[in-house]
Every structure is written in structure tokens, then in C-alpha cells.
Amino acid sequence: MLCIDNKDCEDLERRKVYQVLPDDEASKEGYLRVIDESGEDYLYPEPYFTLIQLPLKAQEALQVAR
């Protein structure tokens, strides 16, 4: 997801791509679980982000080891 707003959030940078983790409960409340600049996952308002489609090579480069 691309961060498009970071109002009052020091751990988010606008115009930066962030990894979002699945969280059905948070999604129902309008939040996304995002790994932010601290390296930890936190809930942020969904309108702070927009979905972007990256080329396959970029997706592969951004994948984290599991």
C-alpha cells in the first residue's frame, strides 16, 4: 500500500510503500495493520493508504523472508 496521508503519525512517510498484514477485525473497523518505520506492525486508518499495483520484479524485490 502507498501512504498518501500521515496526519499525526511520525512512523509513516507519505509517498512510501508499506507492507500490510492481513487483519480481518481491523479491516471491519476501517483500519489496516501496517509495518511502519519502527519495524513493528500497528493499526492505521485505511484512508491513509491506497492500493497500488507493482510490476512483478518490484513485488519480488519487496517480499520478506518467511
PDB file of N, CA and C in Angstrom:
ATOM      1  N   MET A   1       0.850  -1.164   0.000  1.00  0.00           N
ATOM      2  CA  MET A   1       0.000   0.000   0.000  1.00  0.00           C
ATOM      3  C   MET A   1       0.898   1.230   0.000  1.00  0.00           C
ATOM      4  N   LEU A   2       0.423   2.257  -0.660  1.00  0.00           N
ATOM      5  CA  LEU A   2       1.140   3.525  -0.723  1.00  0.00           C
ATOM      6  C   LEU A   2       0.546   4.476   0.300  1.00  0.00           C
ATOM      7  N   CYS A   3       1.389   5.050   1.147  1.00  0.00           N
ATOM      8  CA  CYS A   3       0.928   6.014   2.141  1.00  0.00           C
ATOM      9  C   CYS A   3       0.640   7.344   1.444  1.00  0.00           C
ATOM     10  N   ILE A   4      -0.576   7.831   1.602  1.00  0.00           N
ATOM     11  CA  ILE A   4      -0.954   9.106   0.988  1.00  0.00           C
ATOM     12  C   ILE A   4      -1.262  10.169   2.035  1.00  0.00           C
ATOM     13  N   ASP A   5      -1.284   9.790   3.314  1.00  0.00           N
ATOM     14  CA  ASP A   5      -1.539  10.722   4.410  1.00  0.00           C
ATOM     15  C   ASP A   5      -0.861  10.184   5.657  1.00  0.00           C
ATOM     16  N   ASN A   6      -0.327  11.066   6.473  1.00  0.00           N
ATOM     17  CA  ASN A   6       0.319  10.622   7.706  1.00  0.00           C
ATOM     18  C   ASN A   6       0.025  11.573   8.860  1.00  0.00           C
ATOM     19  N   LYS A   7      -1.159  12.147   8.841  1.00  0.00           N
ATOM     20  CA  LYS A   7      -1.555  13.110   9.867  1.00  0.00           C
ATOM     21  C   LYS A   7      -1.314  12.541  11.270  1.00  0.00           C
ATOM     22  N   ASP A   8      -0.506  13.260  12.051  1.00  0.00           N
ATOM     23  CA  ASP A   8      -0.197  12.895  13.437  1.00  0.00           C
ATOM     24  C   ASP A   8       0.481  11.532  13.585  1.00  0.00           C
ATOM     25  N   CYS A   9       1.134  11.033  12.545  1.00  0.00           N
ATOM     26  CA  CYS A   9       1.816   9.735  12.599  1.00  0.00           C
ATOM     27  C   CYS A   9       3.284   9.916  12.225  1.00  0.00           C
ATOM     28  N   GLU A  10       4.134   9.918  13.220  1.00  0.00           N
ATOM     29  CA  GLU A  10       5.567  10.094  12.969  1.00  0.00           C
ATOM     30  C   GLU A  10       6.212   8.853  12.359  1.00  0.00           C
ATOM     31  N   ASP A  11       5.549   7.710  12.465  1.00  0.00           N
ATOM     32  CA  ASP A  11       6.127   6.465  11.960  1.00  0.00           C
ATOM     33  C   ASP A  11       5.662   6.089  10.557  1.00  0.00           C
ATOM     34  N   LEU A  12       5.048   7.045   9.848  1.00  0.00           N
ATOM     35  CA  LEU A  12       4.656   6.844   8.455  1.00  0.00           C
ATOM     36  C   LEU A  12       5.225   7.969   7.603  1.00  0.00           C
ATOM     37  N   GLU A  13       5.675   7.619   6.398  1.00  0.00           N
ATOM     38  CA  GLU A  13       6.158   8.619   5.450  1.00  0.00           C
ATOM     39  C   GLU A  13       5.230   8.640   4.243  1.00  0.00           C
ATOM     40  N   ARG A  14       4.766   9.835   3.904  1.00  0.00           N
ATOM     41  CA  ARG A  14       3.933   9.963   2.699  1.00  0.00           C
ATOM     42  C   ARG A  14       4.753   9.567   1.476  1.00  0.00           C
ATOM     43  N   ARG A  15       4.067   9.010   0.488  1.00  0.00           N
ATOM     44  CA  ARG A  15       4.655   8.577  -0.785  1.00  0.00           C
ATOM     45  C   ARG A  15       5.587   7.379  -0.629  1.00  0.00           C
ATOM     46  N   LYS A  16       5.440   6.616   0.443  1.00  0.00           N
ATOM     47  CA  LYS A  16       6.260   5.420   0.643  1.00  0.00           C
ATOM     48  C   LYS A  16       5.361   4.185   0.633  1.00  0.00           C
ATOM     49  N   VAL A  17       5.896   3.068   0.105  1.00  0.00           N
ATOM     50  CA  VAL A  17       5.168   1.806   0.037  1.00  0.00           C
ATOM     51  C   VAL A  17       5.377   1.055   1.351  1.00  0.00           C
ATOM     52  N   TYR A  18       4.277   0.559   1.919  1.00  0.00           N
ATOM     53  CA  TYR A  18       4.325  -0.182   3.177  1.00  0.00           C
ATOM     54  C   TYR A  18       3.699  -1.557   3.017  1.00  0.00           C
ATOM     55  N   GLN A  19       4.222  -2.504   3.766  1.00  0.00           N
ATOM     56  CA  GLN A  19       3.654  -3.851   3.803  1.00  0.00           C
ATOM     57  C   GLN A  19       2.459  -3.845   4.756  1.00  0.00           C
ATOM     58  N   VAL A  20       1.370  -4.435   4.300  1.00  0.00           N
ATOM     59  CA  VAL A  20       0.161  -4.541   5.105  1.00  0.00           C
ATOM     60  C   VAL A  20      -0.069  -6.009   5.431  1.00  0.00           C
ATOM     61  N   LEU A  21      -0.331  -6.283   6.691  1.00  0.00           N
ATOM     62  CA  LEU A  21      -0.595  -7.649   7.135  1.00  0.00           C
ATOM     63  C   LEU A  21      -2.099  -7.895   7.209  1.00  0.00           C
ATOM     64  N   PRO A  22      -2.534  -9.101   6.917  1.00  0.00           N
ATOM     65  CA  PRO A  22      -3.965  -9.401   6.994  1.00  0.00           C
ATOM     66  C   PRO A  22      -4.482  -9.265   8.429  1.00  0.00           C
ATOM     67  N   ASP A  23      -5.611  -8.587   8.591  1.00  0.00           N
ATOM     68  CA  ASP A  23      -6.248  -8.442   9.904  1.00  0.00           C
ATOM     69  C   ASP A  23      -7.722  -8.132   9.655  1.00  0.00           C
ATOM     70  N   ASP A  24      -8.537  -9.178   9.618  1.00  0.00           N
ATOM     71  CA  ASP A  24      -9.956  -9.026   9.302  1.00  0.00           C
ATOM     72  C   ASP A  24     -10.694  -8.149  10.307  1.00  0.00           C
ATOM     73  N   GLU A  25     -10.366  -8.287  11.581  1.00  0.00           N
ATOM     74  CA  GLU A  25     -11.039  -7.489  12.616  1.00  0.00           C
ATOM     75  C   GLU A  25     -10.728  -6.001  12.441  1.00  0.00           C
ATOM     76  N   ALA A  26      -9.475  -5.677  12.179  1.00  0.00           N
ATOM     77  CA  ALA A  26      -9.088  -4.275  11.977  1.00  0.00           C
ATOM     78  C   ALA A  26      -9.767  -3.718  10.731  1.00  0.00           C
ATOM     79  N   SER A  27      -9.823  -4.523   9.693  1.00  0.00           N
ATOM     80  CA  SER A  27     -10.442  -4.097   8.437  1.00  0.00           C
ATOM     81  C   SER A  27     -11.917  -3.745   8.627  1.00  0.00           C
ATOM     82  N   LYS A  28     -12.610  -4.524   9.456  1.00  0.00           N
ATOM     83  CA  LYS A  28     -14.021  -4.249   9.727  1.00  0.00           C
ATOM     84  C   LYS A  28     -14.214  -2.889  10.390  1.00  0.00           C
ATOM     85  N   GLU A  29     -13.197  -2.433  11.118  1.00  0.00           N
ATOM     86  CA  GLU A  29     -13.259  -1.153  11.829  1.00  0.00           C
ATOM     87  C   GLU A  29     -12.662  -0.003  11.011  1.00  0.00           C
ATOM     88  N   GLY A  30     -12.191  -0.304   9.770  1.00  0.00           N
ATOM     89  CA  GLY A  30     -11.642   0.735   8.910  1.00  0.00           C
ATOM     90  C   GLY A  30     -10.157   0.999   9.105  1.00  0.00           C
ATOM     91  N   TYR A  31      -9.439  -0.014   9.613  1.00  0.00           N
ATOM     92  CA  TYR A  31      -8.005   0.131   9.847  1.00  0.00           C
ATOM     93  C   TYR A  31      -7.227  -0.927   9.066  1.00  0.00           C
ATOM     94  N   LEU A  32      -5.950  -0.633   8.848  1.00  0.00           N
ATOM     95  CA  LEU A  32      -5.026  -1.579   8.231  1.00  0.00           C
ATOM     96  C   LEU A  32      -3.896  -1.843   9.208  1.00  0.00           C
ATOM     97  N   ARG A  33      -3.413  -3.078   9.250  1.00  0.00           N
ATOM     98  CA  ARG A  33      -2.254  -3.417  10.083  1.00  0.00           C
ATOM     99  C   ARG A  33      -1.018  -3.259   9.197  1.00  0.00           C
ATOM    100  N   VAL A  34      -0.219  -2.240   9.491  1.00  0.00           N
ATOM    101  CA  VAL A  34       0.891  -1.833   8.643  1.00  0.00           C
ATOM    102  C   VAL A  34       2.210  -1.966   9.397  1.00  0.00           C
ATOM    103  N   ILE A  35       3.241  -2.464   8.712  1.00  0.00           N
ATOM    104  CA  ILE A  35       4.589  -2.451   9.281  1.00  0.00           C
ATOM    105  C   ILE A  35       5.157  -1.067   8.968  1.00  0.00           C
ATOM    106  N   ASP A  36       5.310  -0.259  10.013  1.00  0.00           N
ATOM    107  CA  ASP A  36       5.715   1.135   9.820  1.00  0.00           C
ATOM    108  C   ASP A  36       7.227   1.311   9.968  1.00  0.00           C
ATOM    109  N   GLU A  37       7.671   2.562  10.090  1.00  0.00           N
ATOM    110  CA  GLU A  37       9.096   2.869  10.161  1.00  0.00           C
ATOM    111  C   GLU A  37       9.774   2.290  11.392  1.00  0.00           C
ATOM    112  N   SER A  38       9.015   1.961  12.424  1.00  0.00           N
ATOM    113  CA  SER A  38       9.595   1.368  13.628  1.00  0.00           C
ATOM    114  C   SER A  38       9.947  -0.106  13.400  1.00  0.00           C
ATOM    115  N   GLY A  39       9.418  -0.687  12.303  1.00  0.00           N
ATOM    116  CA  GLY A  39       9.632  -2.096  12.019  1.00  0.00           C
ATOM    117  C   GLY A  39       8.595  -3.000  12.665  1.00  0.00           C
ATOM    118  N   GLU A  40       7.685  -2.398  13.407  1.00  0.00           N
ATOM    119  CA  GLU A  40       6.612  -3.139  14.065  1.00  0.00           C
ATOM    120  C   GLU A  40       5.310  -2.917  13.312  1.00  0.00           C
ATOM    121  N   ASP A  41       4.320  -3.778  13.560  1.00  0.00           N
ATOM    122  CA  ASP A  41       3.028  -3.596  12.898  1.00  0.00           C
ATOM    123  C   ASP A  41       2.066  -2.893  13.856  1.00  0.00           C
ATOM    124  N   TYR A  42       1.384  -1.880  13.307  1.00  0.00           N
ATOM    125  CA  TYR A  42       0.409  -1.099  14.058  1.00  0.00           C
ATOM    126  C   TYR A  42      -0.799  -0.852  13.186  1.00  0.00           C
ATOM    127  N   LEU A  43      -1.899  -0.482  13.811  1.00  0.00           N
ATOM    128  CA  LEU A  43      -3.118  -0.158  13.070  1.00  0.00           C
ATOM    129  C   LEU A  43      -3.124   1.314  12.693  1.00  0.00           C
ATOM    130  N   TYR A  44      -3.475   1.566  11.430  1.00  0.00           N
ATOM    131  CA  TYR A  44      -3.602   2.923  10.913  1.00  0.00           C
ATOM    132  C   TYR A  44      -4.906   3.035  10.135  1.00  0.00           C
ATOM    133  N   PRO A  45      -5.479   4.226  10.078  1.00  0.00           N
ATOM    134  CA  PRO A  45      -6.718   4.402   9.322  1.00  0.00           C
ATOM    135  C   PRO A  45      -6.527   4.030   7.845  1.00  0.00           C
ATOM    136  N   GLU A  46      -7.458   3.271   7.321  1.00  0.00           N
ATOM    137  CA  GLU A  46      -7.386   2.830   5.921  1.00  0.00           C
ATOM    138  C   GLU A  46      -7.264   3.985   4.927  1.00  0.00           C
ATOM    139  N   PRO A  47      -7.926   5.132   5.152  1.00  0.00           N
ATOM    140  CA  PRO A  47      -7.799   6.236   4.189  1.00  0.00           C
ATOM    141  C   PRO A  47      -6.390   6.827   4.086  1.00  0.00           C
ATOM    142  N   TYR A  48      -5.491   6.453   4.975  1.00  0.00           N
ATOM    143  CA  TYR A  48      -4.101   6.923   4.894  1.00  0.00           C
ATOM    144  C   TYR A  48      -3.341   6.235   3.772  1.00  0.00           C
ATOM    145  N   PHE A  49      -3.954   5.212   3.151  1.00  0.00           N
ATOM    146  CA  PHE A  49      -3.261   4.391   2.158  1.00  0.00           C
ATOM    147  C   PHE A  49      -4.110   4.183   0.918  1.00  0.00           C
ATOM    148  N   THR A  50      -3.428   3.877  -0.167  1.00  0.00           N
ATOM    149  CA  THR A  50      -4.110   3.483  -1.393  1.00  0.00           C
ATOM    150  C   THR A  50      -3.373   2.279  -1.971  1.00  0.00           C
ATOM    151  N   LEU A  51      -4.139   1.378  -2.562  1.00  0.00           N
ATOM    152  CA  LEU A  51      -3.566   0.170  -3.161  1.00  0.00           C
ATOM    153  C   LEU A  51      -2.895   0.525  -4.475  1.00  0.00           C
ATOM    154  N   ILE A  52      -1.690   0.032  -4.665  1.00  0.00           N
ATOM    155  CA  ILE A  52      -1.002   0.227  -5.939  1.00  0.00           C
ATOM    156  C   ILE A  52      -0.590  -1.135  -6.474  1.00  0.00           C
ATOM    157  N   GLN A  53      -0.518  -1.260  -7.782  1.00  0.00           N
ATOM    158  CA  GLN A  53      -0.098  -2.484  -8.457  1.00  0.00           C
ATOM    159  C   GLN A  53       1.347  -2.283  -8.886  1.00  0.00           C
ATOM    160  N   LEU A  54       2.245  -3.089  -8.349  1.00  0.00           N
ATOM    161  CA  LEU A  54       3.653  -3.011  -8.705  1.00  0.00           C
ATOM    162  C   LEU A  54       3.996  -4.061  -9.751  1.00  0.00           C
ATOM    163  N   PRO A  55       4.981  -3.764 -10.597  1.00  0.00           N
ATOM    164  CA  PRO A  55       5.445  -4.788 -11.536  1.00  0.00           C
ATOM    165  C   PRO A  55       5.969  -6.009 -10.765  1.00  0.00           C
ATOM    166  N   LEU A  56       5.938  -7.168 -11.393  1.00  0.00           N
ATOM    167  CA  LEU A  56       6.334  -8.416 -10.761  1.00  0.00           C
ATOM    168  C   LEU A  56       7.728  -8.333 -10.150  1.00  0.00           C
ATOM    169  N   LYS A  57       8.690  -7.737 -10.864  1.00  0.00           N
ATOM    170  CA  LYS A  57      10.054  -7.634 -10.336  1.00  0.00           C
ATOM    171  C   LYS A  57      10.082  -6.826  -9.044  1.00  0.00           C
ATOM    172  N   ALA A  58       9.303  -5.769  -8.977  1.00  0.00           N
ATOM    173  CA  ALA A  58       9.250  -4.954  -7.757  1.00  0.00           C
ATOM    174  C   ALA A  58       8.606  -5.741  -6.619  1.00  0.00           C
ATOM    175  N   GLN A  59       7.559  -6.501  -6.921  1.00  0.00           N
ATOM    176  CA  GLN A  59       6.909  -7.328  -5.893  1.00  0.00           C
ATOM    177  C   GLN A  59       7.897  -8.346  -5.326  1.00  0.00           C
ATOM    178  N   GLU A  60       8.655  -8.977  -6.202  1.00  0.00           N
ATOM    179  CA  GLU A  60       9.621  -9.975  -5.758  1.00  0.00           C
ATOM    180  C   GLU A  60      10.711  -9.329  -4.899  1.00  0.00           C
ATOM    181  N   ALA A  61      11.155  -8.150  -5.268  1.00  0.00           N
ATOM    182  CA  ALA A  61      12.206  -7.456  -4.509  1.00  0.00           C
ATOM    183  C   ALA A  61      11.727  -7.030  -3.134  1.00  0.00           C
ATOM    184  N   LEU A  62      10.444  -6.776  -2.989  1.00  0.00           N
ATOM    185  CA  LEU A  62       9.897  -6.299  -1.730  1.00  0.00           C
ATOM    186  C   LEU A  62       9.440  -7.420  -0.799  1.00  0.00           C
ATOM    187  N   GLN A  63       9.410  -8.655  -1.289  1.00  0.00           N
ATOM    188  CA  GLN A  63       8.964  -9.765  -0.447  1.00  0.00           C
ATOM    189  C   GLN A  63       9.926  -9.964   0.701  1.00  0.00           C
ATOM    190  N   VAL A  64       9.355 -10.244   1.871  1.00  0.00           N
ATOM    191  CA  VAL A  64      10.180 -10.506   3.052  1.00  0.00           C
ATOM    192  C   VAL A  64      10.334 -12.004   3.240  1.00  0.00           C
ATOM    193  N   ALA A  65      11.475 -12.393   3.767  1.00  0.00           N
ATOM    194  CA  ALA A  65      11.713 -13.820   4.030  1.00  0.00           C
ATOM    195  C   ALA A  65      10.734 -14.290   5.096  1.00  0.00           C
ATOM    196  N   ARG A  66      10.177 -15.455   4.903  1.00  0.00           N
ATOM    197  CA  ARG A  66       9.205 -16.000   5.867  1.00  0.00           C
ATOM    198  C   ARG A  66       9.795 -17.112   6.649  1.00  0.00           C
TER     199      ARG A  66
END
